[in-house]
C-alpha cells in the first residue's frame, strides 16, 4: 500500500510592509507576530530610551543650539583639514593661520623629531603592541620614564595613553580609598567624572577662591586623608592656579596636592617644569599629571610623584593595566623632544612669550575684552553663543582659525574665543591675524 502524500501547507497571507506612520510599539508588535517571538524587557527598554532621546532632543537647549548652528552653517568644530604645517594648516587647499593649537613649541612638525620618528618606525613598526602588563613594555618606554622623572625632578613616572585616562586612574585607584577630595570647580571634566566614578567624598570650591577652599578644609579638618585637586593653568580662562597659597593651606590642614598641569609644563618655570615651578612649590606637589600634546607635541600623558603613590598602579589602576601603551614611535619622539627642551627649551619658551605679549597688546588696543590680565592663553569675551560661532567663522574666512567656547563649556552669557600662540608664529603671521581681528571687531560692533 503506497503512502499518502501529506497535503500542502495552506498559503498564509504575507504581513503588510511597515508603514512610516506606525508607532514604535506597533512596529515591534508586528515584527513579533511575524516571527512568533514574545516581547522581551530589553525591547521595552530600547523603546523607552528612544523616547527619552527624542524628548532630550526637543527640550535640551544645547542640542537645539547645535542643530541650529549646523543648519546655519556656523558649527565651528570638527573641521577636517588636510595637512598640518607648524603654525598653519591646509584646509581644502587654502593655508589657514592656526591660533587654536596647543602644540606650543610646534614639536609635532619639528624636523629633528620627525626624523627620529621615521627611524623608530623602521625599528619598531608603526603601531603599539599591548598593555604595559603584557607585551607592551619596551625598553624605550622605561628610558622615557627615566628621562621624564629627571626632567621633572621627581621620584617616579607613569605613562598613560591619554590625559583623560591618567586622571581617571589617579582619582579612582591611586588616591587612597578614604580620601576626601577638595576640587576646584573649573577642573577638567575628566577629573569631575573621575570623582563621580570613584565614589569618594569630594567637595567643590569656587574657582581659585582660597577662602572657599579654606572653609571646606576647616569644616572637614578631621578627615584622615585630604587631597586638594586643581589645574596648574585653567584652560578656559588662562588663569594660573594660586599654587603658592594652596601649598600654605595644604601644610596648615595636612592635605596633599594633585595638579593637572596640562597647559603649564614647558610654558612656565625657569626649568620648564610648569606652574608649580613658577611659584617655587614644585616639591610640595604630591602628584602632577601632564598630557604630551602641549609641550611635547605627541599623544599620551604622564604622571610624576612619589614612588609609593604610583607603584600601586601596576595592580590597582585599571585604566593603566587594561589599555595599550603608547606606540614605541611616540616614545622615541618624546625622548627627542625632551632632548631638545633640555638644549633649547628656554629659547622656545622666550619666543612663545614674545609672541603672546605682541598679540595680547594688539588685541587690547583694538578694544577686545580679555578675561585675564596675563597668561599665554588669551580668552576674548564675546558673550552670545551664536555670535561667538559667527565671529569665529568670520575670522576663519579671513584665514585665521580660533576656537570658540560656549555653554556648557563656559557659563551662559560668557561665550569666549580662546586664542593661543605658538613659538613658531612669525611676526608677519601675527600681523595678518591682528588685521583680521580688527575687521572682525568692526563687524562685532555693528552686529
Protein backbone atom coordinates (compact mmCIF):
# COMPACT_ATOMS: atom_id res chain seq x y z
CA UNK A 1 0.00 0.00 0.00
CA UNK A 2 1.50 3.30 -1.07
CA UNK A 3 1.93 6.07 1.47
CA UNK A 4 -0.33 9.08 1.16
CA UNK A 5 1.31 12.36 0.31
CA UNK A 6 0.62 14.92 3.06
CA UNK A 7 -1.46 17.88 1.93
CA UNK A 8 0.49 21.09 1.28
CA UNK A 9 0.54 23.80 3.96
CA UNK A 10 -2.07 26.43 3.40
CA UNK A 11 -0.69 29.60 1.87
CA UNK A 12 -0.67 32.29 4.55
CA UNK A 13 -1.15 35.90 3.50
CA UNK A 14 2.01 37.99 3.88
CA UNK A 15 2.06 40.66 6.56
CA UNK A 16 1.79 44.20 5.29
CA UNK A 17 5.03 46.13 4.88
CA UNK A 18 5.90 48.51 7.72
CA UNK A 19 4.39 51.95 7.38
CA UNK A 20 6.16 55.13 8.32
CA UNK A 21 3.24 56.36 10.40
CA UNK A 22 3.22 53.39 12.76
CA UNK A 23 4.46 53.92 16.28
CA UNK A 24 7.48 52.09 17.60
CA UNK A 25 5.32 49.77 19.72
CA UNK A 26 3.11 48.88 16.71
CA UNK A 27 6.15 48.14 14.58
CA UNK A 28 7.77 45.94 17.22
CA UNK A 29 4.47 44.16 17.81
CA UNK A 30 4.03 43.44 14.09
CA UNK A 31 7.59 42.11 13.86
CA UNK A 32 6.98 39.82 16.83
CA UNK A 33 3.73 38.46 15.35
CA UNK A 34 5.51 37.56 12.13
CA UNK A 35 8.45 35.94 13.93
CA UNK A 36 6.29 34.45 16.74
CA UNK A 37 8.69 35.89 19.36
CA UNK A 38 7.47 37.14 22.68
CA UNK A 39 8.23 40.66 23.83
CA UNK A 40 11.32 40.93 25.98
CA UNK A 41 12.24 43.51 28.55
CA UNK A 42 15.22 44.76 26.55
CA UNK A 43 12.91 45.82 23.70
CA UNK A 44 10.82 47.83 26.11
CA UNK A 45 13.95 49.49 27.49
CA UNK A 46 15.14 50.35 23.99
CA UNK A 47 11.77 51.90 23.25
CA UNK A 48 11.92 53.91 26.46
CA UNK A 49 15.42 55.09 25.61
CA UNK A 50 14.33 56.21 22.16
CA UNK A 51 11.51 58.20 23.68
CA UNK A 52 13.97 59.73 26.14
CA UNK A 53 16.37 60.64 23.32
CA UNK A 54 13.60 62.32 21.34
CA UNK A 55 12.47 64.21 24.43
CA UNK A 56 16.03 65.38 25.14
CA UNK A 57 16.43 66.48 21.53
CA UNK A 58 13.26 68.53 21.73
CA UNK A 59 13.87 70.13 25.13
CA UNK A 60 17.68 70.39 25.53
CA UNK A 61 18.90 73.90 24.73
CA UNK A 62 22.36 72.50 23.93
CA UNK A 63 21.03 70.03 21.34
CA UNK A 64 18.85 72.73 19.86
CA UNK A 65 21.83 75.10 19.65
CA UNK A 66 24.00 72.53 17.89
CA UNK A 67 21.21 71.76 15.42
CA UNK A 68 20.67 75.49 14.80
CA UNK A 69 24.40 76.09 14.25
CA UNK A 70 24.63 73.22 11.77
CA UNK A 71 21.55 74.42 9.87
CA UNK A 72 23.05 77.92 9.58
CA UNK A 73 26.48 76.64 8.64
CA UNK A 74 28.05 78.08 11.82
CA UNK A 75 29.03 74.87 13.63
CA UNK A 76 32.71 75.52 14.44
CA UNK A 77 34.01 72.09 15.44
CA UNK A 78 35.44 69.02 13.72
CA UNK A 79 36.76 70.73 10.63
CA UNK A 80 38.78 68.11 8.74
CA UNK A 81 41.87 69.88 7.49
CA UNK A 82 44.27 68.23 5.09
CA UNK A 83 47.79 68.98 6.23
CA UNK A 84 49.26 70.45 9.41
CA UNK A 85 52.31 72.62 8.90
CA UNK A 86 53.54 74.06 12.18
CA UNK A 87 51.72 77.31 12.89
CA UNK A 88 49.49 76.86 9.81
CA UNK A 89 47.14 74.19 8.49
CA UNK A 90 45.93 73.48 4.97
CA UNK A 91 42.15 73.37 4.67
CA UNK A 92 40.75 72.45 1.24
CA UNK A 93 43.85 73.72 -0.45
CA UNK A 94 43.96 77.02 1.46
CA UNK A 95 46.52 77.91 4.12
CA UNK A 96 44.91 78.89 7.43
CA UNK A 97 46.86 80.50 10.27
CA UNK A 98 46.16 78.49 13.42
CA UNK A 99 45.59 80.38 16.66
CA UNK A 100 43.82 77.37 18.18
CA UNK A 101 46.70 74.90 18.52
CA UNK A 102 48.09 73.89 21.92
CA UNK A 103 51.26 72.41 20.40
CA UNK A 104 53.05 75.40 21.88
CA UNK A 105 56.53 74.63 20.53
CA UNK A 106 55.40 73.10 17.19
CA UNK A 107 57.14 69.84 18.08
CA UNK A 108 54.63 67.82 16.03
CA UNK A 109 56.33 69.29 12.93
CA UNK A 110 59.87 69.60 14.30
CA UNK A 111 62.34 68.20 11.68
CA UNK A 112 64.57 66.51 14.29
CA UNK A 113 61.61 64.80 15.94
CA UNK A 114 60.13 63.72 12.58
CA UNK A 115 63.47 62.19 11.59
CA UNK A 116 63.63 60.31 14.91
CA UNK A 117 60.05 59.08 14.40
CA UNK A 118 60.90 57.70 10.95
CA UNK A 119 63.90 55.83 12.37
CA UNK A 120 61.74 54.44 15.17
CA UNK A 121 59.11 53.21 12.68
CA UNK A 122 61.81 51.30 10.79
CA UNK A 123 62.98 49.72 14.05
CA UNK A 124 59.73 49.12 15.96
CA UNK A 125 56.95 49.40 13.39
CA UNK A 126 54.13 51.92 13.11
CA UNK A 127 51.87 50.87 15.98
CA UNK A 128 51.85 49.56 19.51
CA UNK A 129 51.88 46.04 20.86
CA UNK A 130 49.80 45.61 24.01
CA UNK A 131 49.27 46.87 27.55
CA UNK A 132 52.19 47.53 29.87
CA UNK A 133 51.48 44.34 31.84
CA UNK A 134 51.53 42.19 28.72
CA UNK A 135 53.79 42.66 25.69
CA UNK A 136 53.63 46.45 25.55
CA UNK A 137 56.51 47.40 27.83
CA UNK A 138 59.61 48.05 25.74
CA UNK A 139 62.98 49.29 26.93
CA UNK A 140 62.35 52.62 25.19
CA UNK A 141 59.30 53.18 27.41
CA UNK A 142 61.41 52.63 30.51
CA UNK A 143 64.02 55.02 29.11
CA UNK A 144 61.30 57.63 28.55
CA UNK A 145 60.02 57.28 32.12
CA UNK A 146 63.53 57.78 33.49
CA UNK A 147 64.05 60.88 31.32
CA UNK A 148 60.70 62.36 32.38
CA UNK A 149 61.47 61.76 36.08
CA UNK A 150 64.81 63.56 35.65
CA UNK A 151 63.18 66.41 33.69
CA UNK A 152 60.56 66.97 36.42
CA UNK A 153 62.85 66.26 39.37
CA UNK A 154 60.53 63.62 40.83
CA UNK A 155 60.96 60.05 42.04
CA UNK A 156 58.64 58.09 39.77
CA UNK A 157 56.74 58.40 36.47
CA UNK A 158 53.84 56.51 34.90
CA UNK A 159 52.91 56.81 31.22
CA UNK A 160 49.27 56.66 30.07
CA UNK A 161 47.84 56.80 26.57
CA UNK A 162 45.68 59.87 27.34
CA UNK A 163 45.28 62.56 29.98
CA UNK A 164 41.67 61.54 30.49
CA UNK A 165 42.68 58.00 31.48
CA UNK A 166 45.51 59.31 33.65
CA UNK A 167 43.11 61.47 35.68
CA UNK A 168 40.65 58.60 35.88
CA UNK A 169 43.31 56.22 37.18
CA UNK A 170 44.67 58.69 39.72
CA UNK A 171 41.34 59.65 41.27
CA UNK A 172 39.65 56.25 41.21
CA UNK A 173 42.58 53.96 42.03
CA UNK A 174 45.73 55.70 43.25
CA UNK A 175 44.24 58.11 45.76
CA UNK A 176 43.50 56.22 49.00
CA UNK A 177 40.04 54.73 49.48
CA UNK A 178 39.38 57.02 52.45
CA UNK A 179 40.47 60.17 50.57
CA UNK A 180 38.35 63.31 50.79
CA UNK A 181 38.82 65.43 47.67
CA UNK A 182 38.61 69.22 47.50
CA UNK A 183 38.12 70.07 43.86
CA UNK A 184 38.32 73.38 42.02
CA UNK A 185 35.03 73.76 40.15
CA UNK A 186 36.85 74.65 36.90
CA UNK A 187 38.90 71.46 36.83
CA UNK A 188 38.84 69.49 33.60
CA UNK A 189 35.75 67.36 33.02
CA UNK A 190 37.84 64.19 33.26
CA UNK A 191 38.56 64.98 36.92
CA UNK A 192 34.89 65.62 37.69
CA UNK A 193 33.98 62.31 36.03
CA UNK A 194 36.72 60.51 37.95
CA UNK A 195 35.44 61.88 41.26
CA UNK A 196 31.93 60.68 40.45
CA UNK A 197 33.15 57.21 39.49
CA UNK A 198 35.48 56.87 42.46
CA UNK A 199 32.62 57.04 44.99
CA UNK A 200 34.97 59.00 47.23
CA UNK A 201 33.82 62.04 49.16
CA UNK A 202 34.51 65.23 47.24
CA UNK A 203 33.64 68.90 47.60
CA UNK A 204 33.92 71.68 45.01
CA UNK A 205 35.31 75.11 45.83
CA UNK A 206 34.88 78.24 43.72
CA UNK A 207 37.47 78.79 41.02
CA UNK A 208 40.76 79.96 42.54
CA UNK A 209 38.92 81.06 45.71
CA UNK A 210 41.26 80.33 48.58
CA UNK A 211 38.82 81.47 51.27
CA UNK A 212 36.24 78.98 49.98
CA UNK A 213 38.87 76.23 49.92
CA UNK A 214 39.95 77.00 53.48
CA UNK A 215 36.31 76.99 54.60
CA UNK A 216 35.94 73.43 53.29
CA UNK A 217 39.26 72.30 54.75
CA UNK A 218 38.32 73.74 58.12
CA UNK A 219 34.91 72.09 58.02
CA UNK A 220 36.43 68.67 57.22
CA UNK A 221 39.69 69.07 59.14
CA UNK A 222 39.20 65.73 60.95
CA UNK A 223 39.22 63.70 57.72
CA UNK A 224 42.31 61.45 57.78
CA UNK A 225 43.27 61.76 54.09
CA UNK A 226 42.66 65.13 52.42
CA UNK A 227 43.55 65.87 48.78
CA UNK A 228 43.39 69.26 47.04
CA UNK A 229 42.88 68.83 43.28
CA UNK A 230 43.28 71.69 40.83
CA UNK A 231 44.72 72.65 37.44
CA UNK A 232 48.03 74.41 37.06
CA UNK A 233 46.57 76.63 34.33
CA UNK A 234 42.82 76.82 33.72
CA UNK A 235 42.35 76.21 30.02
CA UNK A 236 39.06 78.11 29.64
CA UNK A 237 40.21 81.44 31.13
CA UNK A 238 44.01 81.10 31.13
CA UNK A 239 44.38 81.89 34.84
CA UNK A 240 47.16 80.38 36.90
CA UNK A 241 46.09 78.42 39.96
CA UNK A 242 47.26 80.02 43.21
CA UNK A 243 49.56 77.13 43.98
CA UNK A 244 51.66 79.13 46.44
CA UNK A 245 48.58 79.79 48.59
CA UNK A 246 47.31 76.22 48.09
CA UNK A 247 50.65 74.93 49.36
CA UNK A 248 50.26 77.04 52.54
CA UNK A 249 46.75 75.67 53.13
CA UNK A 250 47.94 72.11 52.48
CA UNK A 251 50.61 72.47 55.15
CA UNK A 252 48.16 74.05 57.58
CA UNK A 253 45.49 71.36 57.22
CA UNK A 254 47.80 68.39 56.47
CA UNK A 255 46.45 67.88 52.97
CA UNK A 256 48.11 66.53 49.82
CA UNK A 257 48.05 68.20 46.40
CA UNK A 258 47.40 66.81 42.92
CA UNK A 259 47.55 69.15 39.92
CA UNK A 260 46.69 68.65 36.27
CA UNK A 261 49.31 70.90 34.67
CA UNK A 262 48.44 70.29 31.01
CA UNK A 263 48.99 73.90 29.90
CA UNK A 264 51.74 74.75 32.36
CA UNK A 265 54.66 72.38 31.81
CA UNK A 266 57.11 73.79 29.31
CA UNK A 267 55.43 77.20 29.36
CA UNK A 268 56.03 78.24 33.00
CA UNK A 269 59.02 77.94 35.28
CA UNK A 270 62.73 78.62 34.82
CA UNK A 271 63.26 74.86 34.50
CA UNK A 272 60.16 74.42 32.26
CA UNK A 273 58.53 72.33 34.97
CA UNK A 274 55.22 74.16 34.96
CA UNK A 275 53.04 76.25 37.25
CA UNK A 276 54.37 74.74 40.49
CA UNK A 277 57.93 75.50 39.40
CA UNK A 278 56.81 79.06 38.57
CA UNK A 279 55.62 79.55 42.17
CA UNK A 280 58.58 77.69 43.71
CA UNK A 281 56.44 74.95 45.28
CA UNK A 282 57.24 72.01 43.00
CA UNK A 283 58.50 69.89 45.89
CA UNK A 284 55.16 70.30 47.68
CA UNK A 285 53.14 68.80 44.80
CA UNK A 286 52.44 65.14 45.57
CA UNK A 287 51.20 64.23 42.08
CA UNK A 288 51.38 66.09 38.75
CA UNK A 289 49.70 64.98 35.53
CA UNK A 290 50.54 66.36 32.09
CA UNK A 291 49.40 65.26 28.61
CA UNK A 292 52.07 65.12 25.93
CA UNK A 293 50.07 67.20 23.42
CA UNK A 294 51.05 70.63 24.73
CA UNK A 295 54.76 70.88 25.47
CA UNK A 296 55.82 67.74 23.57
CA UNK A 297 53.54 67.63 20.50
CA UNK A 298 52.55 63.99 20.87
CA UNK A 299 49.89 61.64 22.22
CA UNK A 300 49.55 60.20 25.71
CA UNK A 301 50.22 61.61 29.17
CA UNK A 302 52.48 61.11 32.15
CA UNK A 303 52.12 61.33 35.92
CA UNK A 304 55.01 62.16 38.25
CA UNK A 305 55.13 61.89 42.00
CA UNK A 306 56.25 59.88 44.97
CA UNK A 307 57.12 56.25 44.21
CA UNK A 308 54.90 54.85 46.95
CA UNK A 309 51.88 56.62 45.45
CA UNK A 310 52.43 55.39 41.91
CA UNK A 311 53.64 51.83 42.41
CA UNK A 312 50.11 50.63 43.16
CA UNK A 313 49.13 51.35 39.54
CA UNK A 314 50.62 48.02 38.41
CA UNK A 315 48.00 46.11 40.39
CA UNK A 316 45.16 48.53 41.18
CA UNK A 317 44.74 51.08 38.38
CA UNK A 318 42.58 49.51 35.71
CA UNK A 319 42.92 52.39 33.19
CA UNK A 320 46.67 51.73 33.38
CA UNK A 321 46.51 47.93 33.37
CA UNK A 322 43.97 47.30 30.63
CA UNK A 323 44.80 49.86 27.92
CA UNK A 324 47.50 49.76 25.27
CA UNK A 325 50.75 51.52 25.94
CA UNK A 326 51.75 54.43 23.71
CA UNK A 327 53.45 53.24 20.48
CA UNK A 328 57.27 52.99 20.52
CA UNK A 329 57.45 55.62 17.76
CA UNK A 330 55.76 58.07 20.14
CA UNK A 331 58.16 57.15 22.95
CA UNK A 332 61.14 57.77 20.68
CA UNK A 333 59.69 61.11 19.53
CA UNK A 334 59.09 62.17 23.13
CA UNK A 335 62.66 61.33 24.09
CA UNK A 336 63.90 63.57 21.27
CA UNK A 337 61.50 66.34 22.39
CA UNK A 338 62.93 66.11 25.92
CA UNK A 339 66.43 66.34 24.49
CA UNK A 340 65.52 69.49 22.54
CA UNK A 341 63.86 71.06 25.60
CA UNK A 342 66.98 70.37 27.65
CA UNK A 343 69.10 72.00 24.97
CA UNK A 344 66.91 74.86 23.68
CA UNK A 345 63.87 74.92 25.94
CA UNK A 346 64.46 78.39 27.33
CA UNK A 347 64.71 79.83 23.80
CA UNK A 348 61.43 78.19 22.80
CA UNK A 349 59.78 79.48 25.96
CA UNK A 350 61.08 83.02 25.39
CA UNK A 351 59.86 83.08 21.78
CA UNK A 352 56.41 81.87 22.83
CA UNK A 353 56.06 84.62 25.44
CA UNK A 354 57.25 87.28 22.99
CA UNK A 355 54.51 86.25 20.56
CA UNK A 356 51.92 86.19 23.33
CA UNK A 357 52.85 89.68 24.53
CA UNK A 358 52.79 91.10 20.98
CA UNK A 359 49.37 89.64 20.14
CA UNK A 360 47.84 90.41 23.53
CA UNK A 361 48.90 94.06 23.33
CA UNK A 362 47.46 94.44 19.82
CA UNK A 363 44.13 92.83 20.73
CA UNK A 364 43.82 95.09 23.78
CA UNK A 365 44.45 98.16 21.62
CA UNK A 366 41.73 97.06 19.19
CA UNK A 367 39.33 97.06 22.13
CA UNK A 368 38.72 93.41 22.91
CA UNK A 369 37.89 92.42 26.47
CA UNK A 370 40.43 89.79 27.56
CA UNK A 371 39.39 87.79 30.62
CA UNK A 372 42.80 87.63 32.28
CA UNK A 373 45.49 90.30 32.66
CA UNK A 374 48.32 87.99 31.60
CA UNK A 375 48.93 84.39 30.68
CA UNK A 376 49.71 82.60 27.43
CA UNK A 377 46.05 81.67 26.83
CA UNK A 378 44.13 84.72 25.58
CA UNK A 379 40.34 84.37 26.14
CA UNK A 380 38.30 87.11 24.40
CA UNK A 381 34.81 87.66 25.78
CA UNK A 382 32.07 87.69 23.11
CA UNK A 383 29.04 86.80 25.25
CA UNK A 384 26.38 85.30 22.97
CA UNK A 385 26.67 81.62 21.97
CA UNK A 386 25.59 82.08 18.36
CA UNK A 387 27.55 85.31 17.89
CA UNK A 388 30.78 83.69 19.08
CA UNK A 389 30.44 80.98 16.41
CA UNK A 390 29.70 83.58 13.72
CA UNK A 391 32.71 85.58 14.93
CA UNK A 392 34.99 82.52 14.70
CA UNK A 393 33.66 81.73 11.22
CA UNK A 394 34.31 85.28 10.03
CA UNK A 395 37.93 85.02 11.17
CA UNK A 396 38.21 81.62 9.51
CA UNK A 397 37.09 83.05 6.17
CA UNK A 398 39.91 85.59 6.53
CA UNK A 399 42.44 82.83 7.10
CA UNK A 400 42.63 82.73 10.92
CA UNK A 401 41.50 79.69 12.92
CA UNK A 402 40.39 80.35 16.53
CA UNK A 403 38.47 78.18 18.96
CA UNK A 404 35.06 79.35 20.26
CA UNK A 405 33.82 78.23 23.68
CA UNK A 406 30.14 78.37 24.58
CA UNK A 407 27.74 76.80 27.08
CA UNK A 408 28.14 74.24 28.63
CA UNK A 409 31.92 74.62 28.23
CA UNK A 410 31.64 78.10 29.81
CA UNK A 411 28.81 79.72 31.84
CA UNK A 412 25.81 81.08 29.98
CA UNK A 413 26.41 84.55 28.61
CA UNK A 414 30.20 84.11 28.87
CA UNK A 415 30.97 82.71 25.40
CA UNK A 416 34.61 83.32 24.53
CA UNK A 417 37.14 82.86 21.76
CA UNK A 418 40.32 81.20 23.01
CA UNK A 419 43.43 82.46 21.22
CA UNK A 420 46.73 80.59 21.59
CA UNK A 421 50.10 81.48 20.10
CA UNK A 422 52.97 79.12 19.44
CA UNK A 423 56.70 79.67 19.34
CA UNK A 424 56.55 79.03 15.60
CA UNK A 425 54.44 82.05 14.67
CA UNK A 426 56.29 84.74 12.77
CA UNK A 427 55.68 88.47 13.25
CA UNK A 428 54.12 88.75 9.76
CA UNK A 429 51.69 85.91 10.56
CA UNK A 430 50.64 87.62 13.77
CA UNK A 431 50.18 90.92 11.89
CA UNK A 432 47.86 89.14 9.46
CA UNK A 433 45.87 87.81 12.42
CA UNK A 434 45.69 91.28 14.00
CA UNK A 435 44.25 92.75 10.80
CA UNK A 436 41.62 90.01 10.72
CA UNK A 437 40.73 90.70 14.36
CA UNK A 438 40.42 94.42 13.65
CA UNK A 439 37.97 93.75 10.82
CA UNK A 440 36.01 91.28 12.95
CA UNK A 441 35.82 93.89 15.73
CA UNK A 442 34.01 96.31 13.37
CA UNK A 443 31.59 93.54 12.38
CA UNK A 444 31.02 92.69 16.04
CA UNK A 445 30.24 96.33 16.93
CA UNK A 446 27.62 96.55 14.17
CA UNK A 447 26.02 93.14 14.65
